Amino acid sequence: MGSKLAEVAAADGHDVFSGYNRSSPEVGVPVKFDLSVDNGIRKAMEESRPEVIIHTAALTDVDRCEVERDLACRINARGSRLLAEAAKNAGAFLVYVSTDYVFDGSRGMYREDEATSPVNHYGYTKLLGESYADCVARTCVIYGSRPASGKVNFALWILDRLKKGEEVRIVTDQFISPTLNTNLARMLLEAGGRGLEGIYHLAGAERISRYDFACRLADLFELDRRLIVPGKMADLSWKARRPMDSSLDVGKASRLLEEKPWGIARSFEVLKEEIA
C-alpha cells in the first residue's frame, strides 16, 4: 500500500517522503526509521517536515501477531503513538490506515459508528492505534498489481497459482470488501489533503466471499476456475481467529469523497491494465 500511495502522490505532483525500515522505496525521498524507536521517528519528522502523514506501516501477519503479542503491540500500538506525537510536534495531519479486523465479523457491512470487538490480537493492536490519529481509514483485503516487499497479495497469489495450473482452496464462508490499492491510495490522499477528521471506511464498494472473488478474478483473466476448490474457514489451521464477515459499509466515503470507493468490475479493469 505504501509503495502505491507514494507512486500516486508523486504522479499528482506532491513532494513525497517515503518512510521505510528495510526495503528502500522506489518513489519519493527515502526516510529510514523504526516504529519502535522514539528518537528515530522524531528525527525523521523534523528532517522531512511533512504537512500530511499517511501511516500505512504495521505488523500485518495475523497469526504472528497472535503469537508475538508484545511485538505486535510495540509496532502497531506504541509505534503509532510515537508517530502521532512526532506528527503533532511537526504540525502534520495524521491519517492512520486501520483494518476491518477491528470488528468481530458476526454480521458484516459495518458502519463507522458501530461498536468494535476484535477477535484476534492483530485487530486489537490496530484498534489501539486508531486512538492517536486525526483521521482513521479502515480498509479491507488490499490487493494490487505488484507484490509488497516480496509478499504477494490475495489477488496475485490466486493468479499465480492458476497460471501454473495449480489448485487453490478458497473459503466460501468468509465475506470481505476487497480493495484495490490504486483506489485506496486516491481516497487516502483526498482524506489527508482535505484534513478530514474522524473515522472513514475506505474500502471496495462490494461485499463478496473470498471464493466468489477468486472466481470472478479467474474469469477476468480467462483462467480455469475449476482449479478453485471451495473450502470452509473451520477447515483451516489458523493460530488466530478470523472474523467471518468483516465487510465494510462505505456509504460515508461514497457521500463525502470525490474519489469514490470502486466496485469490483472497475477495480478488476484497472488491475488488469496495471498488470499488462
C-alpha atoms as a PDB file:
ATOM      1  CA  MET A   1       0.000   0.000   0.000  1.00  0.00           C
ATOM      2  CA  GLY A   2       2.765   2.428   0.882  1.00  0.00           C
ATOM      3  CA  SER A   3       4.503   1.996  -2.468  1.00  0.00           C
ATOM      4  CA  LYS A   4       1.308   2.579  -4.445  1.00  0.00           C
ATOM      5  CA  LEU A   5       0.484   5.591  -2.289  1.00  0.00           C
ATOM      6  CA  ALA A   6       3.891   7.142  -2.984  1.00  0.00           C
ATOM      7  CA  GLU A   7       3.525   6.412  -6.699  1.00  0.00           C
ATOM      8  CA  VAL A   8       0.081   8.028  -6.964  1.00  0.00           C
ATOM      9  CA  ALA A   9       1.057  11.012  -4.789  1.00  0.00           C
ATOM     10  CA  ALA A  10       4.179  11.707  -6.857  1.00  0.00           C
ATOM     11  CA  ALA A  11       2.180  11.447 -10.103  1.00  0.00           C
ATOM     12  CA  ASP A  12      -0.252  14.021  -8.687  1.00  0.00           C
ATOM     13  CA  GLY A  13       2.628  16.443  -8.097  1.00  0.00           C
ATOM     14  CA  HIS A  14       3.093  16.087  -4.344  1.00  0.00           C
ATOM     15  CA  ASP A  15       6.507  16.179  -2.690  1.00  0.00           C
ATOM     16  CA  VAL A  16       6.771  12.663  -1.308  1.00  0.00           C
ATOM     17  CA  PHE A  17       8.850  11.377   1.594  1.00  0.00           C
ATOM     18  CA  SER A  18       8.682   7.583   1.780  1.00  0.00           C
ATOM     19  CA  GLY A  19       9.264   6.122   5.219  1.00  0.00           C
ATOM     20  CA  TYR A  20      10.842   2.675   5.367  1.00  0.00           C
ATOM     21  CA  ASN A  21      12.697   0.313   7.651  1.00  0.00           C
ATOM     22  CA  ARG A  22      14.098  -2.479   5.473  1.00  0.00           C
ATOM     23  CA  SER A  23      13.161  -2.149   1.792  1.00  0.00           C
ATOM     24  CA  SER A  24      14.280   1.157   0.301  1.00  0.00           C
ATOM     25  CA  PRO A  25      11.393   2.812  -1.575  1.00  0.00           C
ATOM     26  CA  GLU A  26      11.377   3.247  -5.358  1.00  0.00           C
ATOM     27  CA  VAL A  27       9.424   6.532  -5.263  1.00  0.00           C
ATOM     28  CA  GLY A  28       9.917   9.565  -3.051  1.00  0.00           C
ATOM     29  CA  VAL A  29      12.715  10.772  -0.807  1.00  0.00           C
ATOM     30  CA  PRO A  30      13.710   7.802   1.404  1.00  0.00           C
ATOM     31  CA  VAL A  31      13.256   8.384   5.140  1.00  0.00           C
ATOM     32  CA  LYS A  32      14.532   5.486   7.229  1.00  0.00           C
ATOM     33  CA  PHE A  33      13.241   4.914  10.760  1.00  0.00           C
ATOM     34  CA  ASP A  34      11.990   2.213  13.100  1.00  0.00           C
ATOM     35  CA  LEU A  35       8.489   2.494  14.558  1.00  0.00           C
ATOM     36  CA  SER A  36       9.755   1.103  17.837  1.00  0.00           C
ATOM     37  CA  VAL A  37      12.434   3.776  18.319  1.00  0.00           C
ATOM     38  CA  ASP A  38      11.200   7.108  19.648  1.00  0.00           C
ATOM     39  CA  ASN A  39      14.173   9.269  18.712  1.00  0.00           C
ATOM     40  CA  GLY A  40      14.308   7.881  15.182  1.00  0.00           C
ATOM     41  CA  ILE A  41      10.714   8.863  14.454  1.00  0.00           C
ATOM     42  CA  ARG A  42      11.109  12.358  15.875  1.00  0.00           C
ATOM     43  CA  LYS A  43      14.277  12.933  13.877  1.00  0.00           C
ATOM     44  CA  ALA A  44      12.636  11.718  10.665  1.00  0.00           C
ATOM     45  CA  MET A  45       9.708  14.103  11.114  1.00  0.00           C
ATOM     46  CA  GLU A  46      11.957  17.052  11.985  1.00  0.00           C
ATOM     47  CA  GLU A  47      14.029  16.490   8.853  1.00  0.00           C
ATOM     48  CA  SER A  48      11.166  15.970   6.393  1.00  0.00           C
ATOM     49  CA  ARG A  49       8.645  18.420   7.949  1.00  0.00           C
ATOM     50  CA  PRO A  50       5.577  16.850   6.297  1.00  0.00           C
ATOM     51  CA  GLU A  51       2.196  18.540   6.054  1.00  0.00           C
ATOM     52  CA  VAL A  52       0.339  15.201   5.884  1.00  0.00           C
ATOM     53  CA  ILE A  53       1.442  11.780   7.094  1.00  0.00           C
ATOM     54  CA  ILE A  54      -0.356   8.677   5.847  1.00  0.00           C
ATOM     55  CA  HIS A  55       0.593   5.877   8.202  1.00  0.00           C
ATOM     56  CA  THR A  56       0.446   2.536   6.377  1.00  0.00           C
ATOM     57  CA  ALA A  57       3.134   0.621   8.296  1.00  0.00           C
ATOM     58  CA  ALA A  58       2.118  -2.267  10.563  1.00  0.00           C
ATOM     59  CA  LEU A  59       2.811  -5.834  11.548  1.00  0.00           C
ATOM     60  CA  THR A  60       0.014  -7.377   9.467  1.00  0.00           C
ATOM     61  CA  ASP A  61       0.786 -11.094   9.812  1.00  0.00           C
ATOM     62  CA  VAL A  62      -2.325 -12.029  11.794  1.00  0.00           C
ATOM     63  CA  ASP A  63      -1.016 -15.331  13.115  1.00  0.00           C
ATOM     64  CA  ARG A  64       2.358 -13.841  14.056  1.00  0.00           C
ATOM     65  CA  CYS A  65       0.580 -11.072  15.969  1.00  0.00           C
ATOM     66  CA  GLU A  66      -1.297 -13.728  17.902  1.00  0.00           C
ATOM     67  CA  VAL A  67       1.926 -15.476  18.912  1.00  0.00           C
ATOM     68  CA  GLU A  68       4.265 -12.465  19.293  1.00  0.00           C
ATOM     69  CA  ARG A  69       1.865 -10.192  21.126  1.00  0.00           C
ATOM     70  CA  ASP A  70       4.453  -7.859  22.614  1.00  0.00           C
ATOM     71  CA  LEU A  71       5.968  -7.235  19.193  1.00  0.00           C
ATOM     72  CA  ALA A  72       2.532  -6.554  17.692  1.00  0.00           C
ATOM     73  CA  CYS A  73       1.757  -4.036  20.444  1.00  0.00           C
ATOM     74  CA  ARG A  74       5.155  -2.380  20.101  1.00  0.00           C
ATOM     75  CA  ILE A  75       4.752  -1.825  16.356  1.00  0.00           C
ATOM     76  CA  ASN A  76       1.013  -1.387  15.822  1.00  0.00           C
ATOM     77  CA  ALA A  77       0.041   0.441  19.007  1.00  0.00           C
ATOM     78  CA  ARG A  78       3.088   2.035  20.649  1.00  0.00           C
ATOM     79  CA  GLY A  79       4.724   2.786  17.287  1.00  0.00           C
ATOM     80  CA  SER A  80       1.568   4.529  16.125  1.00  0.00           C
ATOM     81  CA  ARG A  81       1.516   6.601  19.315  1.00  0.00           C
ATOM     82  CA  LEU A  82       5.126   7.664  18.821  1.00  0.00           C
ATOM     83  CA  LEU A  83       4.419   8.596  15.217  1.00  0.00           C
ATOM     84  CA  ALA A  84       1.338  10.582  16.271  1.00  0.00           C
ATOM     85  CA  GLU A  85       3.376  12.515  18.834  1.00  0.00           C
ATOM     86  CA  ALA A  86       6.053  13.271  16.247  1.00  0.00           C
ATOM     87  CA  ALA A  87       3.375  14.339  13.759  1.00  0.00           C
ATOM     88  CA  LYS A  88       1.849  16.717  16.283  1.00  0.00           C
ATOM     89  CA  ASN A  89       5.231  18.279  17.036  1.00  0.00           C
ATOM     90  CA  ALA A  90       5.801  18.721  13.304  1.00  0.00           C
ATOM     91  CA  GLY A  91       2.331  20.211  12.782  1.00  0.00           C
ATOM     92  CA  ALA A  92       1.361  17.405  10.416  1.00  0.00           C
ATOM     93  CA  PHE A  93      -2.091  15.890   9.850  1.00  0.00           C
ATOM     94  CA  LEU A  94      -2.019  12.132  10.521  1.00  0.00           C
ATOM     95  CA  VAL A  95      -4.069   9.623   8.532  1.00  0.00           C
ATOM     96  CA  TYR A  96      -3.921   6.120  10.032  1.00  0.00           C
ATOM     97  CA  VAL A  97      -4.709   3.108   7.854  1.00  0.00           C
ATOM     98  CA  SER A  98      -6.621   0.651  10.023  1.00  0.00           C
ATOM     99  CA  THR A  99      -8.439  -2.599   9.325  1.00  0.00           C
ATOM    100  CA  ASP A 100     -11.775  -4.373   9.092  1.00  0.00           C
ATOM    101  CA  TYR A 101     -10.413  -6.723  11.760  1.00  0.00           C
ATOM    102  CA  VAL A 102     -11.427  -4.271  14.486  1.00  0.00           C
ATOM    103  CA  PHE A 103     -14.883  -5.901  14.130  1.00  0.00           C
ATOM    104  CA  ASP A 104     -15.874  -9.387  15.258  1.00  0.00           C
ATOM    105  CA  GLY A 105     -17.398 -10.349  11.899  1.00  0.00           C
ATOM    106  CA  SER A 106     -20.695 -11.557  13.274  1.00  0.00           C
ATOM    107  CA  ARG A 107     -22.779  -9.849  10.568  1.00  0.00           C
ATOM    108  CA  GLY A 108     -20.749  -7.578   8.259  1.00  0.00           C
ATOM    109  CA  MET A 109     -21.388  -4.300   6.413  1.00  0.00           C
ATOM    110  CA  TYR A 110     -20.138  -2.370   9.423  1.00  0.00           C
ATOM    111  CA  ARG A 111     -20.562   1.395   9.637  1.00  0.00           C
ATOM    112  CA  GLU A 112     -18.033   3.734  11.189  1.00  0.00           C
ATOM    113  CA  ASP A 113     -20.156   4.389  14.284  1.00  0.00           C
ATOM    114  CA  GLU A 114     -20.699   0.740  15.218  1.00  0.00           C
ATOM    115  CA  ALA A 115     -19.091  -0.956  18.205  1.00  0.00           C
ATOM    116  CA  THR A 116     -15.712  -2.586  17.665  1.00  0.00           C
ATOM    117  CA  SER A 117     -14.849  -6.011  19.067  1.00  0.00           C
ATOM    118  CA  PRO A 118     -11.748  -7.618  17.537  1.00  0.00           C
ATOM    119  CA  VAL A 119     -11.449 -11.401  17.768  1.00  0.00           C
ATOM    120  CA  ASN A 120      -7.664 -11.518  17.398  1.00  0.00           C
ATOM    121  CA  HIS A 121      -4.632  -9.647  18.698  1.00  0.00           C
ATOM    122  CA  TYR A 122      -3.854  -8.036  15.353  1.00  0.00           C
ATOM    123  CA  GLY A 123      -7.266  -6.361  15.315  1.00  0.00           C
ATOM    124  CA  TYR A 124      -6.823  -5.352  18.959  1.00  0.00           C
ATOM    125  CA  THR A 125      -3.470  -3.657  18.347  1.00  0.00           C
ATOM    126  CA  LYS A 126      -4.744  -1.851  15.265  1.00  0.00           C
ATOM    127  CA  LEU A 127      -7.734  -0.622  17.231  1.00  0.00           C
ATOM    128  CA  LEU A 128      -5.388   0.772  19.883  1.00  0.00           C
ATOM    129  CA  GLY A 129      -3.506   2.620  17.154  1.00  0.00           C
ATOM    130  CA  GLU A 130      -6.687   4.305  15.932  1.00  0.00           C
ATOM    131  CA  SER A 131      -6.958   6.448  19.049  1.00  0.00           C
ATOM    132  CA  TYR A 132      -3.875   8.515  18.173  1.00  0.00           C
ATOM    133  CA  ALA A 133      -4.768   9.626  14.628  1.00  0.00           C
ATOM    134  CA  ASP A 134      -6.535  12.674  13.222  1.00  0.00           C
ATOM    135  CA  CYS A 135      -8.172  10.540  10.532  1.00  0.00           C
ATOM    136  CA  VAL A 136      -8.765   6.781  10.763  1.00  0.00           C
ATOM    137  CA  ALA A 137      -9.145   4.997   7.425  1.00  0.00           C
ATOM    138  CA  ARG A 138     -10.338   1.427   7.845  1.00  0.00           C
ATOM    139  CA  THR A 139      -9.906  -0.788   4.837  1.00  0.00           C
ATOM    140  CA  CYS A 140     -10.198  -4.464   3.889  1.00  0.00           C
ATOM    141  CA  VAL A 141      -8.113  -7.037   1.949  1.00  0.00           C
ATOM    142  CA  ILE A 142      -5.875  -4.717  -0.060  1.00  0.00           C
ATOM    143  CA  TYR A 143      -4.682  -6.077  -3.394  1.00  0.00           C
ATOM    144  CA  GLY A 144      -2.767  -4.675  -6.344  1.00  0.00           C
ATOM    145  CA  SER A 145      -0.662  -5.376  -9.407  1.00  0.00           C
ATOM    146  CA  ARG A 146       2.703  -5.752  -7.652  1.00  0.00           C
ATOM    147  CA  PRO A 147       3.983  -7.668  -4.617  1.00  0.00           C
ATOM    148  CA  ALA A 148       4.754  -5.700  -1.466  1.00  0.00           C
ATOM    149  CA  SER A 149       8.264  -6.317  -0.095  1.00  0.00           C
ATOM    150  CA  GLY A 150       8.300  -9.675  -1.852  1.00  0.00           C
ATOM    151  CA  LYS A 151       4.925 -10.770  -0.448  1.00  0.00           C
ATOM    152  CA  VAL A 152       2.112 -11.378  -2.921  1.00  0.00           C
ATOM    153  CA  ASN A 153      -1.371 -10.154  -2.086  1.00  0.00           C
ATOM    154  CA  PHE A 154      -4.531 -12.267  -2.241  1.00  0.00           C
ATOM    155  CA  ALA A 155      -5.282 -11.491  -5.890  1.00  0.00           C
ATOM    156  CA  LEU A 156      -1.726 -12.037  -7.147  1.00  0.00           C
ATOM    157  CA  TRP A 157      -1.473 -15.295  -5.187  1.00  0.00           C
ATOM    158  CA  ILE A 158      -4.613 -16.603  -6.881  1.00  0.00           C
ATOM    159  CA  LEU A 159      -3.454 -15.546 -10.340  1.00  0.00           C
ATOM    160  CA  ASP A 160      -0.007 -17.042  -9.862  1.00  0.00           C
ATOM    161  CA  ARG A 161      -1.375 -20.426  -8.798  1.00  0.00           C
ATOM    162  CA  LEU A 162      -3.993 -20.576 -11.543  1.00  0.00           C
ATOM    163  CA  LYS A 163      -1.497 -19.603 -14.259  1.00  0.00           C
ATOM    164  CA  LYS A 164       0.676 -22.520 -13.113  1.00  0.00           C
ATOM    165  CA  GLY A 165      -2.320 -24.851 -13.320  1.00  0.00           C
ATOM    166  CA  GLU A 166      -2.317 -25.412  -9.576  1.00  0.00           C
ATOM    167  CA  GLU A 167      -5.413 -25.817  -7.414  1.00  0.00           C
ATOM    168  CA  VAL A 168      -6.284 -23.192  -4.821  1.00  0.00           C
ATOM    169  CA  ARG A 169      -8.581 -23.821  -1.871  1.00  0.00           C
ATOM    170  CA  ILE A 170     -10.612 -20.714  -1.078  1.00  0.00           C
ATOM    171  CA  VAL A 171     -13.179 -20.363   1.672  1.00  0.00           C
ATOM    172  CA  THR A 172     -16.795 -19.731   0.744  1.00  0.00           C
ATOM    173  CA  ASP A 173     -17.909 -18.543   4.191  1.00  0.00           C
ATOM    174  CA  GLN A 174     -15.669 -15.511   4.753  1.00  0.00           C
ATOM    175  CA  PHE A 175     -17.015 -12.232   3.384  1.00  0.00           C
ATOM    176  CA  ILE A 176     -14.902  -9.153   2.666  1.00  0.00           C
ATOM    177  CA  SER A 177     -14.810  -5.768   0.901  1.00  0.00           C
ATOM    178  CA  PRO A 178     -11.707  -6.264  -1.274  1.00  0.00           C
ATOM    179  CA  THR A 179      -9.902  -3.011  -2.020  1.00  0.00           C
ATOM    180  CA  LEU A 180      -7.672  -2.166  -4.980  1.00  0.00           C
ATOM    181  CA  ASN A 181      -4.652  -0.239  -3.709  1.00  0.00           C
ATOM    182  CA  THR A 182      -4.891   2.348  -6.506  1.00  0.00           C
ATOM    183  CA  ASN A 183      -8.399   3.346  -5.440  1.00  0.00           C
ATOM    184  CA  LEU A 184      -7.409   3.320  -1.768  1.00  0.00           C
ATOM    185  CA  ALA A 185      -4.363   5.499  -2.419  1.00  0.00           C
ATOM    186  CA  ARG A 186      -6.503   8.147  -4.089  1.00  0.00           C
ATOM    187  CA  MET A 187      -9.054   8.104  -1.270  1.00  0.00           C
ATOM    188  CA  LEU A 188      -6.310   8.391   1.353  1.00  0.00           C
ATOM    189  CA  LEU A 189      -4.684  11.313  -0.435  1.00  0.00           C
ATOM    190  CA  GLU A 190      -8.010  13.119  -0.608  1.00  0.00           C
ATOM    191  CA  ALA A 191      -8.721  12.493   3.066  1.00  0.00           C
ATOM    192  CA  GLY A 192      -5.281  13.794   4.032  1.00  0.00           C
ATOM    193  CA  GLY A 193      -5.357  16.751   1.680  1.00  0.00           C
ATOM    194  CA  ARG A 194      -8.764  17.868   2.900  1.00  0.00           C
ATOM    195  CA  GLY A 195      -7.898  17.246   6.539  1.00  0.00           C
ATOM    196  CA  LEU A 196     -10.919  15.010   7.101  1.00  0.00           C
ATOM    197  CA  GLU A 197     -11.091  14.132  10.791  1.00  0.00           C
ATOM    198  CA  GLY A 198     -12.758  11.095  12.305  1.00  0.00           C
ATOM    199  CA  ILE A 199     -13.304   7.541  11.067  1.00  0.00           C
ATOM    200  CA  TYR A 200     -13.892   6.585   7.438  1.00  0.00           C
ATOM    201  CA  HIS A 201     -14.351   3.188   5.830  1.00  0.00           C
ATOM    202  CA  LEU A 202     -12.205   3.376   2.710  1.00  0.00           C
ATOM    203  CA  ALA A 203     -12.655   0.005   1.066  1.00  0.00           C
ATOM    204  CA  GLY A 204     -14.085  -1.618  -2.032  1.00  0.00           C
ATOM    205  CA  ALA A 205     -17.745  -0.911  -2.691  1.00  0.00           C
ATOM    206  CA  GLU A 206     -18.894  -4.544  -2.758  1.00  0.00           C
ATOM    207  CA  ARG A 207     -19.308  -7.320  -0.207  1.00  0.00           C
ATOM    208  CA  ILE A 208     -18.207 -10.676  -1.593  1.00  0.00           C
ATOM    209  CA  SER A 209     -16.956 -14.047  -0.383  1.00  0.00           C
ATOM    210  CA  ARG A 210     -13.304 -14.861  -0.916  1.00  0.00           C
ATOM    211  CA  TYR A 211     -14.380 -17.775  -3.120  1.00  0.00           C
ATOM    212  CA  ASP A 212     -16.554 -15.650  -5.403  1.00  0.00           C
ATOM    213  CA  PHE A 213     -13.807 -13.026  -5.591  1.00  0.00           C
ATOM    214  CA  ALA A 214     -11.386 -15.704  -6.795  1.00  0.00           C
ATOM    215  CA  CYS A 215     -13.862 -16.999  -9.388  1.00  0.00           C
ATOM    216  CA  ARG A 216     -14.506 -13.543 -10.822  1.00  0.00           C
ATOM    217  CA  LEU A 217     -10.770 -12.914 -10.969  1.00  0.00           C
ATOM    218  CA  ALA A 218     -10.235 -16.188 -12.834  1.00  0.00           C
ATOM    219  CA  ASP A 219     -12.963 -15.298 -15.334  1.00  0.00           C
ATOM    220  CA  LEU A 220     -11.448 -11.863 -15.994  1.00  0.00           C
ATOM    221  CA  PHE A 221      -8.015 -13.309 -16.744  1.00  0.00           C
ATOM    222  CA  GLU A 222      -9.513 -16.268 -18.644  1.00  0.00           C
ATOM    223  CA  LEU A 223      -8.088 -18.842 -16.249  1.00  0.00           C
ATOM    224  CA  ASP A 224      -9.597 -22.175 -15.279  1.00  0.00           C
ATOM    225  CA  ARG A 225     -11.969 -21.556 -12.374  1.00  0.00           C
ATOM    226  CA  ARG A 226     -12.307 -25.331 -11.923  1.00  0.00           C
ATOM    227  CA  LEU A 227      -8.937 -25.131 -10.165  1.00  0.00           C
ATOM    228  CA  ILE A 228     -10.590 -23.080  -7.402  1.00  0.00           C
ATOM    229  CA  VAL A 229     -11.675 -25.561  -4.741  1.00  0.00           C
ATOM    230  CA  PRO A 230     -14.312 -24.384  -2.236  1.00  0.00           C
ATOM    231  CA  GLY A 231     -13.457 -24.716   1.451  1.00  0.00           C
ATOM    232  CA  LYS A 232     -14.637 -23.617   4.874  1.00  0.00           C
ATOM    233  CA  MET A 233     -12.957 -21.443   7.494  1.00  0.00           C
ATOM    234  CA  ALA A 234     -13.237 -24.279  10.023  1.00  0.00           C
ATOM    235  CA  ASP A 235     -11.008 -26.435   7.801  1.00  0.00           C
ATOM    236  CA  LEU A 236      -8.027 -24.071   8.077  1.00  0.00           C
ATOM    237  CA  SER A 237      -5.395 -24.320  10.805  1.00  0.00           C
ATOM    238  CA  TRP A 238      -5.020 -20.666  11.731  1.00  0.00           C
ATOM    239  CA  LYS A 239      -3.397 -19.698  15.020  1.00  0.00           C
ATOM    240  CA  ALA A 240      -5.634 -16.627  15.282  1.00  0.00           C
ATOM    241  CA  ARG A 241      -9.378 -16.422  14.793  1.00  0.00           C
ATOM    242  CA  ARG A 242     -10.642 -14.506  11.760  1.00  0.00           C
ATOM    243  CA  PRO A 243     -13.929 -12.612  11.501  1.00  0.00           C
ATOM    244  CA  MET A 244     -16.417 -14.408   9.265  1.00  0.00           C
ATOM    245  CA  ASP A 245     -17.922 -11.280   7.741  1.00  0.00           C
ATOM    246  CA  SER A 246     -15.856  -8.119   8.148  1.00  0.00           C
ATOM    247  CA  SER A 247     -17.236  -6.318   5.098  1.00  0.00           C
ATOM    248  CA  LEU A 248     -17.433  -2.550   5.460  1.00  0.00           C
ATOM    249  CA  ASP A 249     -20.226  -0.121   4.672  1.00  0.00           C
ATOM    250  CA  VAL A 250     -18.610   2.611   2.556  1.00  0.00           C
ATOM    251  CA  GLY A 251     -21.669   4.849   2.367  1.00  0.00           C
ATOM    252  CA  LYS A 252     -19.993   7.691   4.257  1.00  0.00           C
ATOM    253  CA  ALA A 253     -16.986   7.722   1.920  1.00  0.00           C
ATOM    254  CA  SER A 254     -19.271   7.495  -1.121  1.00  0.00           C
ATOM    255  CA  ARG A 255     -21.182  10.558   0.045  1.00  0.00           C
ATOM    256  CA  LEU A 256     -18.296  12.740   1.168  1.00  0.00           C
ATOM    257  CA  LEU A 257     -15.349  11.926  -1.084  1.00  0.00           C
ATOM    258  CA  GLU A 258     -14.819  12.971  -4.670  1.00  0.00           C
ATOM    259  CA  GLU A 259     -12.760   9.786  -5.107  1.00  0.00           C
ATOM    260  CA  LYS A 260     -15.474   7.170  -4.567  1.00  0.00           C
ATOM    261  CA  PRO A 261     -14.927   3.554  -3.498  1.00  0.00           C
ATOM    262  CA  TRP A 262     -14.771   1.378  -6.599  1.00  0.00           C
ATOM    263  CA  GLY A 263     -16.824  -1.721  -7.306  1.00  0.00           C
ATOM    264  CA  ILE A 264     -15.150  -4.979  -8.259  1.00  0.00           C
ATOM    265  CA  ALA A 265     -15.729  -4.599 -12.008  1.00  0.00           C
ATOM    266  CA  ARG A 266     -13.879  -1.286 -12.211  1.00  0.00           C
ATOM    267  CA  SER A 267     -11.179  -2.428  -9.796  1.00  0.00           C
ATOM    268  CA  PHE A 268     -10.520  -5.546 -11.871  1.00  0.00           C
ATOM    269  CA  GLU A 269     -10.346  -3.498 -15.084  1.00  0.00           C
ATOM    270  CA  VAL A 270      -7.682  -1.250 -13.572  1.00  0.00           C
ATOM    271  CA  LEU A 271      -5.836  -4.233 -12.087  1.00  0.00           C
ATOM    272  CA  LYS A 272      -5.691  -5.920 -15.483  1.00  0.00           C
ATOM    273  CA  GLU A 273      -4.391  -2.721 -17.112  1.00  0.00           C
ATOM    274  CA  GLU A 274      -1.702  -2.353 -14.441  1.00  0.00           C
ATOM    275  CA  ILE A 275      -0.573  -5.981 -14.763  1.00  0.00           C
ATOM    276  CA  ALA A 276      -0.413  -5.864 -18.572  1.00  0.00           C
END
